[in-house]
Amino acid sequence: MTDHPRKGGKPPSPWKTKTPARERSHDIGAEDADPARLPFVRPSGEMRLYGYNACLAAYAKRPQDLRKVYLTEARLDAFRPVLAWCARNRLGYRIVESGDLDKLTGSRHHEGVCFEMLRPPPLGLAALLETQPAAPQASLLIWLDGVGNPHNLGAVLRSAAHFGAAGVIVPMASSLDLSGAAARVAEGGAEAVPLVRVDDEPTAIAALRRAGYALAATVPRQGAALYATNLPSRIVLVFGAEGEGMGQSLLEATDLRVSIPGSGAVESLNIAASAATILGEYWRQNH
């Protein structure tokens, strides 16, 4: 059986083998399932990306990590350079029906394309800080504490990329990781903004302070009004989960607490909207 398209008739079905349980628990079904009900399993070395912009951004940044391409006939023209690269490098690709991609990605929002790719190599906090300009030059980082929804991660990554954040920090024990659902929502932002895990909160905070960063917690109430506050140009914006908020020890370690003023008709914005609002204000003040 060949993996490239064949002339006439439907292509061979790619659904001959079951997806390993490890992969199903992390990527397959992540778009439509309740993340709180999925046990977190540390992902393996490969993943399935889907979504037009997510796949194009991944190919543009790290084509060497591509392993296989599935796409609908309607996406052929847009992905011809990718398919030519696959042919030159003896990588498989298949033209499939949209329903087949529904099964492969566990989502109806695949936008007609799915890539099997190696995961980006893990990046530690020390390595991230080495890439940043020295203090006191401006640098923006994000810390997510208690956040577990892949769609929220994707939305934050998209805003982070748009407003120039250098990285997103999560605790080592967090269930957050780059998944097909998160990358699709990020619309390419997942390739621009690395995800960094820290295994010891006090040590990470001390390293950030040595590098000249101030920590600012975003809280729904009783914080300094965002638009009346000068945000430090070298800052880590800390966001907690909706409802539970961030851990008390992390909140107490921050230098500043910021709230987004509004009409009061609702208690607060969700994390995706909060992040976009505060990142936008940081950009306004520092560019």
Protein backbone atom coordinates (compact mmCIF):
# COMPACT_ATOMS: atom_id res chain seq x y z
CA MET A 1 0.00 0.00 0.00
CA THR A 2 1.36 3.40 -0.91
CA ASP A 3 0.72 6.53 1.07
CA HIS A 4 0.67 9.04 -1.74
CA PRO A 5 -2.58 9.74 -3.65
CA ARG A 6 -3.53 7.28 -6.35
CA LYS A 7 -5.41 7.97 -9.55
CA GLY A 8 -9.10 7.17 -9.68
CA GLY A 9 -11.36 5.98 -6.89
CA LYS A 10 -10.97 6.62 -3.21
CA PRO A 11 -7.58 6.41 -1.48
CA PRO A 12 -6.89 3.48 0.80
CA SER A 13 -8.30 3.91 4.28
CA PRO A 14 -5.73 5.03 6.89
CA TRP A 15 -7.82 3.54 9.70
CA LYS A 16 -6.44 -0.01 9.75
CA THR A 17 -4.86 0.10 13.19
CA LYS A 18 -6.14 1.39 16.48
CA THR A 19 -4.66 4.56 17.87
CA PRO A 20 -2.51 3.75 20.93
CA ALA A 21 -4.24 4.49 24.22
CA ARG A 22 -1.51 6.97 25.18
CA GLU A 23 -2.17 9.04 22.09
CA ARG A 24 -5.94 8.85 22.40
CA SER A 25 -5.82 10.10 25.98
CA HIS A 26 -3.92 13.23 25.02
CA ASP A 27 -4.82 14.32 21.49
CA ILE A 28 -7.71 12.27 20.17
CA GLY A 29 -10.98 13.67 21.42
CA ALA A 30 -9.34 16.64 23.13
CA GLU A 31 -11.40 19.05 21.01
CA ASP A 32 -14.79 17.83 22.19
CA ALA A 33 -14.12 16.03 25.49
CA ASP A 34 -14.16 17.58 28.94
CA PRO A 35 -10.46 18.05 29.81
CA ALA A 36 -11.22 17.73 33.53
CA ARG A 37 -12.32 14.13 32.92
CA LEU A 38 -9.23 13.11 30.98
CA PRO A 39 -6.35 11.66 33.03
CA PHE A 40 -3.12 13.43 32.22
CA VAL A 41 -0.56 11.21 30.54
CA ARG A 42 2.83 12.65 29.67
CA PRO A 43 2.79 12.74 25.85
CA SER A 44 5.02 10.64 23.67
CA GLY A 45 7.45 11.97 21.09
CA GLU A 46 4.88 12.43 18.33
CA MET A 47 1.62 14.34 18.05
CA ARG A 48 -1.11 15.11 15.56
CA LEU A 49 -1.51 18.74 14.61
CA TYR A 50 -4.56 19.92 12.74
CA GLY A 51 -5.95 23.19 11.47
CA TYR A 52 -4.85 25.22 8.44
CA ASN A 53 -2.71 27.87 10.15
CA ALA A 54 -1.37 25.53 12.83
CA CYS A 55 -0.07 23.07 10.24
CA LEU A 56 1.41 25.72 7.95
CA ALA A 57 3.19 27.40 10.87
CA ALA A 58 4.63 24.09 12.09
CA TYR A 59 5.90 23.22 8.60
CA ALA A 60 7.41 26.68 8.13
CA LYS A 61 9.34 26.50 11.41
CA ARG A 62 10.36 22.84 11.64
CA PRO A 63 9.73 20.85 8.47
CA GLN A 64 12.27 18.25 9.61
CA ASP A 65 9.79 17.17 12.31
CA LEU A 66 7.06 16.30 9.82
CA ARG A 67 6.29 12.59 9.58
CA LYS A 68 3.02 12.26 7.63
CA VAL A 69 0.29 14.39 6.07
CA TYR A 70 -3.44 13.74 5.73
CA LEU A 71 -5.55 16.27 3.84
CA THR A 72 -8.74 16.64 1.87
CA GLU A 73 -8.75 17.23 -1.86
CA ALA A 74 -9.88 20.82 -1.27
CA ARG A 75 -6.57 21.54 0.51
CA LEU A 76 -4.29 20.23 -2.26
CA ASP A 77 -3.45 23.59 -3.81
CA ALA A 78 -2.66 25.26 -0.47
CA PHE A 79 -0.36 22.41 0.61
CA ARG A 80 1.36 21.51 -2.66
CA PRO A 81 4.75 22.81 -1.41
CA VAL A 82 4.39 20.60 1.67
CA LEU A 83 3.49 17.56 -0.43
CA ALA A 84 6.44 18.22 -2.73
CA TRP A 85 8.70 18.31 0.33
CA CYS A 86 7.18 15.02 1.49
CA ALA A 87 7.86 13.43 -1.89
CA ARG A 88 11.49 14.59 -1.89
CA ASN A 89 12.01 13.24 1.61
CA ARG A 90 10.09 9.96 1.18
CA LEU A 91 7.36 10.91 3.65
CA GLY A 92 3.84 9.57 3.28
CA TYR A 93 0.80 11.67 2.50
CA ARG A 94 -2.82 10.73 1.87
CA ILE A 95 -5.84 12.44 0.38
CA VAL A 96 -8.78 11.52 2.59
CA GLU A 97 -12.40 12.46 3.18
CA SER A 98 -13.38 15.03 5.79
CA GLY A 99 -15.05 12.32 7.85
CA ASP A 100 -11.79 10.39 7.96
CA LEU A 101 -10.08 13.45 9.42
CA ASP A 102 -12.89 13.70 11.98
CA LYS A 103 -11.87 10.25 13.21
CA LEU A 104 -8.13 10.82 13.00
CA THR A 105 -8.16 14.11 14.93
CA GLY A 106 -11.16 13.46 17.17
CA SER A 107 -12.52 16.82 16.05
CA ARG A 108 -14.77 18.36 13.44
CA HIS A 109 -12.58 21.47 13.42
CA HIS A 110 -9.56 20.08 11.57
CA GLU A 111 -10.02 22.47 8.60
CA GLY A 112 -9.17 19.74 6.13
CA VAL A 113 -5.60 18.90 7.18
CA CYS A 114 -3.70 16.90 9.79
CA PHE A 115 0.05 16.51 10.27
CA GLU A 116 1.81 13.81 12.25
CA MET A 117 4.87 15.53 13.69
CA LEU A 118 7.52 15.15 16.33
CA ARG A 119 6.89 17.27 19.37
CA PRO A 120 9.06 20.36 19.83
CA PRO A 121 12.01 19.59 22.13
CA PRO A 122 11.34 20.55 25.77
CA LEU A 123 12.67 23.92 26.88
CA GLY A 124 13.68 24.69 30.45
CA LEU A 125 13.33 28.05 32.18
CA ALA A 126 17.10 28.65 32.22
CA ALA A 127 17.30 28.09 28.47
CA LEU A 128 14.36 30.42 27.88
CA LEU A 129 15.90 33.18 29.99
CA GLU A 130 19.16 32.88 28.05
CA THR A 131 17.28 33.86 24.89
CA GLN A 132 15.93 37.07 26.43
CA PRO A 133 17.57 40.50 26.33
CA ALA A 134 19.42 41.44 29.49
CA ALA A 135 17.75 43.57 32.16
CA PRO A 136 16.48 46.24 32.13
CA GLN A 137 15.33 45.71 28.53
CA ALA A 138 11.69 44.79 28.01
CA SER A 139 10.67 41.15 28.09
CA LEU A 140 7.23 39.59 28.58
CA LEU A 141 6.50 36.11 29.97
CA ILE A 142 3.26 34.41 31.01
CA TRP A 143 2.71 31.97 33.90
CA LEU A 144 -0.42 29.77 33.91
CA ASP A 145 -1.29 28.20 37.26
CA GLY A 146 -4.19 25.76 37.58
CA VAL A 147 -5.31 26.21 33.98
CA GLY A 148 -6.17 22.88 32.35
CA ASN A 149 -8.32 23.49 29.27
CA PRO A 150 -6.43 23.03 25.96
CA HIS A 151 -8.64 25.60 24.24
CA ASN A 152 -7.68 28.20 26.85
CA LEU A 153 -4.02 27.33 26.33
CA GLY A 154 -4.44 27.74 22.58
CA ALA A 155 -6.15 31.11 22.99
CA VAL A 156 -3.42 32.34 25.35
CA LEU A 157 -0.69 31.17 22.94
CA ARG A 158 -2.38 33.05 20.09
CA SER A 159 -2.55 36.29 22.09
CA ALA A 160 0.97 35.72 23.42
CA ALA A 161 2.34 35.43 19.89
CA HIS A 162 0.41 38.50 18.72
CA PHE A 163 1.70 40.67 21.57
CA GLY A 164 5.26 39.38 21.60
CA ALA A 165 5.42 37.21 24.72
CA ALA A 166 8.59 35.12 24.82
CA GLY A 167 7.20 32.06 26.58
CA VAL A 168 4.44 30.48 28.67
CA ILE A 169 5.41 28.88 31.99
CA VAL A 170 3.39 26.05 33.56
CA PRO A 171 4.04 23.86 36.62
CA MET A 172 5.58 20.46 35.95
CA ALA A 173 2.46 18.75 37.33
CA SER A 174 0.08 20.71 35.10
CA SER A 175 -2.05 18.75 32.65
CA LEU A 176 -1.47 21.48 30.08
CA ASP A 177 0.60 20.46 27.10
CA LEU A 178 0.68 21.16 23.41
CA SER A 179 -2.12 19.15 21.78
CA GLY A 180 -3.87 19.22 18.44
CA ALA A 181 -6.76 21.15 19.97
CA ALA A 182 -4.48 23.75 21.60
CA ALA A 183 -2.40 24.23 18.45
CA ARG A 184 -5.49 24.63 16.27
CA VAL A 185 -6.92 27.35 18.53
CA ALA A 186 -3.51 29.04 18.68
CA GLU A 187 -3.58 29.51 14.88
CA GLY A 188 0.22 29.21 14.60
CA GLY A 189 1.01 30.83 17.94
CA ALA A 190 2.16 27.52 19.40
CA GLU A 191 5.18 27.61 17.08
CA ALA A 192 6.08 31.17 18.08
CA VAL A 193 5.74 30.90 21.88
CA PRO A 194 7.39 27.95 23.68
CA LEU A 195 5.80 26.16 26.62
CA VAL A 196 8.17 25.84 29.59
CA ARG A 197 7.67 23.56 32.59
CA VAL A 198 9.05 24.36 36.04
CA ASP A 199 9.29 21.69 38.72
CA ASP A 200 9.96 23.93 41.71
CA GLU A 201 7.98 27.14 42.12
CA PRO A 202 10.27 29.00 44.56
CA THR A 203 13.36 28.17 42.50
CA ALA A 204 11.67 29.38 39.32
CA ILE A 205 10.55 32.61 40.98
CA ALA A 206 14.06 33.24 42.29
CA ALA A 207 15.51 32.71 38.80
CA LEU A 208 13.01 35.14 37.31
CA ARG A 209 13.85 37.77 39.94
CA ARG A 210 17.59 37.36 39.30
CA ALA A 211 16.84 37.99 35.63
CA GLY A 212 15.10 41.25 36.52
CA TYR A 213 11.44 40.28 36.16
CA ALA A 214 8.57 41.57 38.24
CA LEU A 215 5.62 39.20 38.77
CA ALA A 216 2.09 40.55 38.31
CA ALA A 217 -0.96 38.51 39.30
CA THR A 218 -4.20 39.01 37.40
CA VAL A 219 -7.12 38.88 39.83
CA PRO A 220 -10.87 39.43 39.26
CA ARG A 221 -11.23 42.02 42.01
CA GLN A 222 -9.30 44.18 44.52
CA GLY A 223 -6.31 44.58 42.24
CA ALA A 224 -4.92 47.81 40.83
CA ALA A 225 -7.04 49.02 37.91
CA LEU A 226 -5.27 47.87 34.75
CA TYR A 227 -5.58 51.09 32.75
CA ALA A 228 -4.35 53.23 35.65
CA THR A 229 -1.31 51.03 36.32
CA ASN A 230 2.15 51.27 34.81
CA LEU A 231 3.11 47.71 33.96
CA PRO A 232 6.84 46.97 34.34
CA SER A 233 8.47 46.46 30.96
CA ARG A 234 10.15 43.30 32.23
CA ILE A 235 7.27 41.29 33.60
CA VAL A 236 5.76 37.86 34.19
CA LEU A 237 1.96 38.01 33.95
CA VAL A 238 0.45 35.29 36.15
CA PHE A 239 -3.00 33.89 35.35
CA GLY A 240 -4.94 31.38 37.45
CA ALA A 241 -7.81 29.05 36.63
CA GLU A 242 -11.31 30.44 36.42
CA GLY A 243 -13.05 29.98 39.75
CA GLU A 244 -10.14 28.54 41.74
CA GLY A 245 -7.60 31.19 40.77
CA MET A 246 -3.89 30.63 41.24
CA GLY A 247 -2.13 28.96 44.16
CA GLN A 248 -1.85 31.07 47.29
CA SER A 249 1.94 30.76 47.49
CA LEU A 250 2.32 32.04 43.92
CA LEU A 251 -0.14 34.87 44.52
CA GLU A 252 1.77 35.96 47.63
CA ALA A 253 5.04 35.94 45.71
CA THR A 254 3.84 38.45 43.12
CA ASP A 255 4.85 42.10 43.21
CA LEU A 256 1.63 43.49 41.80
CA ARG A 257 -2.03 42.51 41.50
CA VAL A 258 -4.01 43.81 38.57
CA SER A 259 -7.74 43.75 37.81
CA ILE A 260 -9.54 44.62 34.59
CA PRO A 261 -12.20 47.28 35.26
CA GLY A 262 -15.63 46.80 33.72
CA SER A 263 -19.34 47.38 34.12
CA GLY A 264 -19.81 44.76 36.84
CA ALA A 265 -22.58 43.04 34.88
CA VAL A 266 -20.52 39.85 35.07
CA GLU A 267 -18.00 38.87 37.71
CA SER A 268 -14.98 38.67 35.41
CA LEU A 269 -13.64 37.76 32.00
CA ASN A 270 -12.51 34.25 31.16
CA ILE A 271 -8.79 33.59 30.97
CA ALA A 272 -8.60 33.90 27.19
CA ALA A 273 -10.24 37.32 27.21
CA SER A 274 -8.30 38.45 30.30
CA ALA A 275 -4.99 37.48 28.76
CA ALA A 276 -5.74 39.25 25.50
CA THR A 277 -6.82 42.41 27.34
CA ILE A 278 -3.82 42.62 29.66
CA LEU A 279 -1.31 41.66 26.97
CA GLY A 280 -2.77 44.36 24.73
CA GLU A 281 -2.36 46.96 27.46
CA TYR A 282 1.22 45.84 28.07
CA TRP A 283 1.92 46.27 24.35
CA ARG A 284 0.34 49.74 24.34
CA GLN A 285 2.50 50.87 27.26
CA ASN A 286 5.77 49.40 26.00
CA HIS A 287 5.73 49.91 22.21
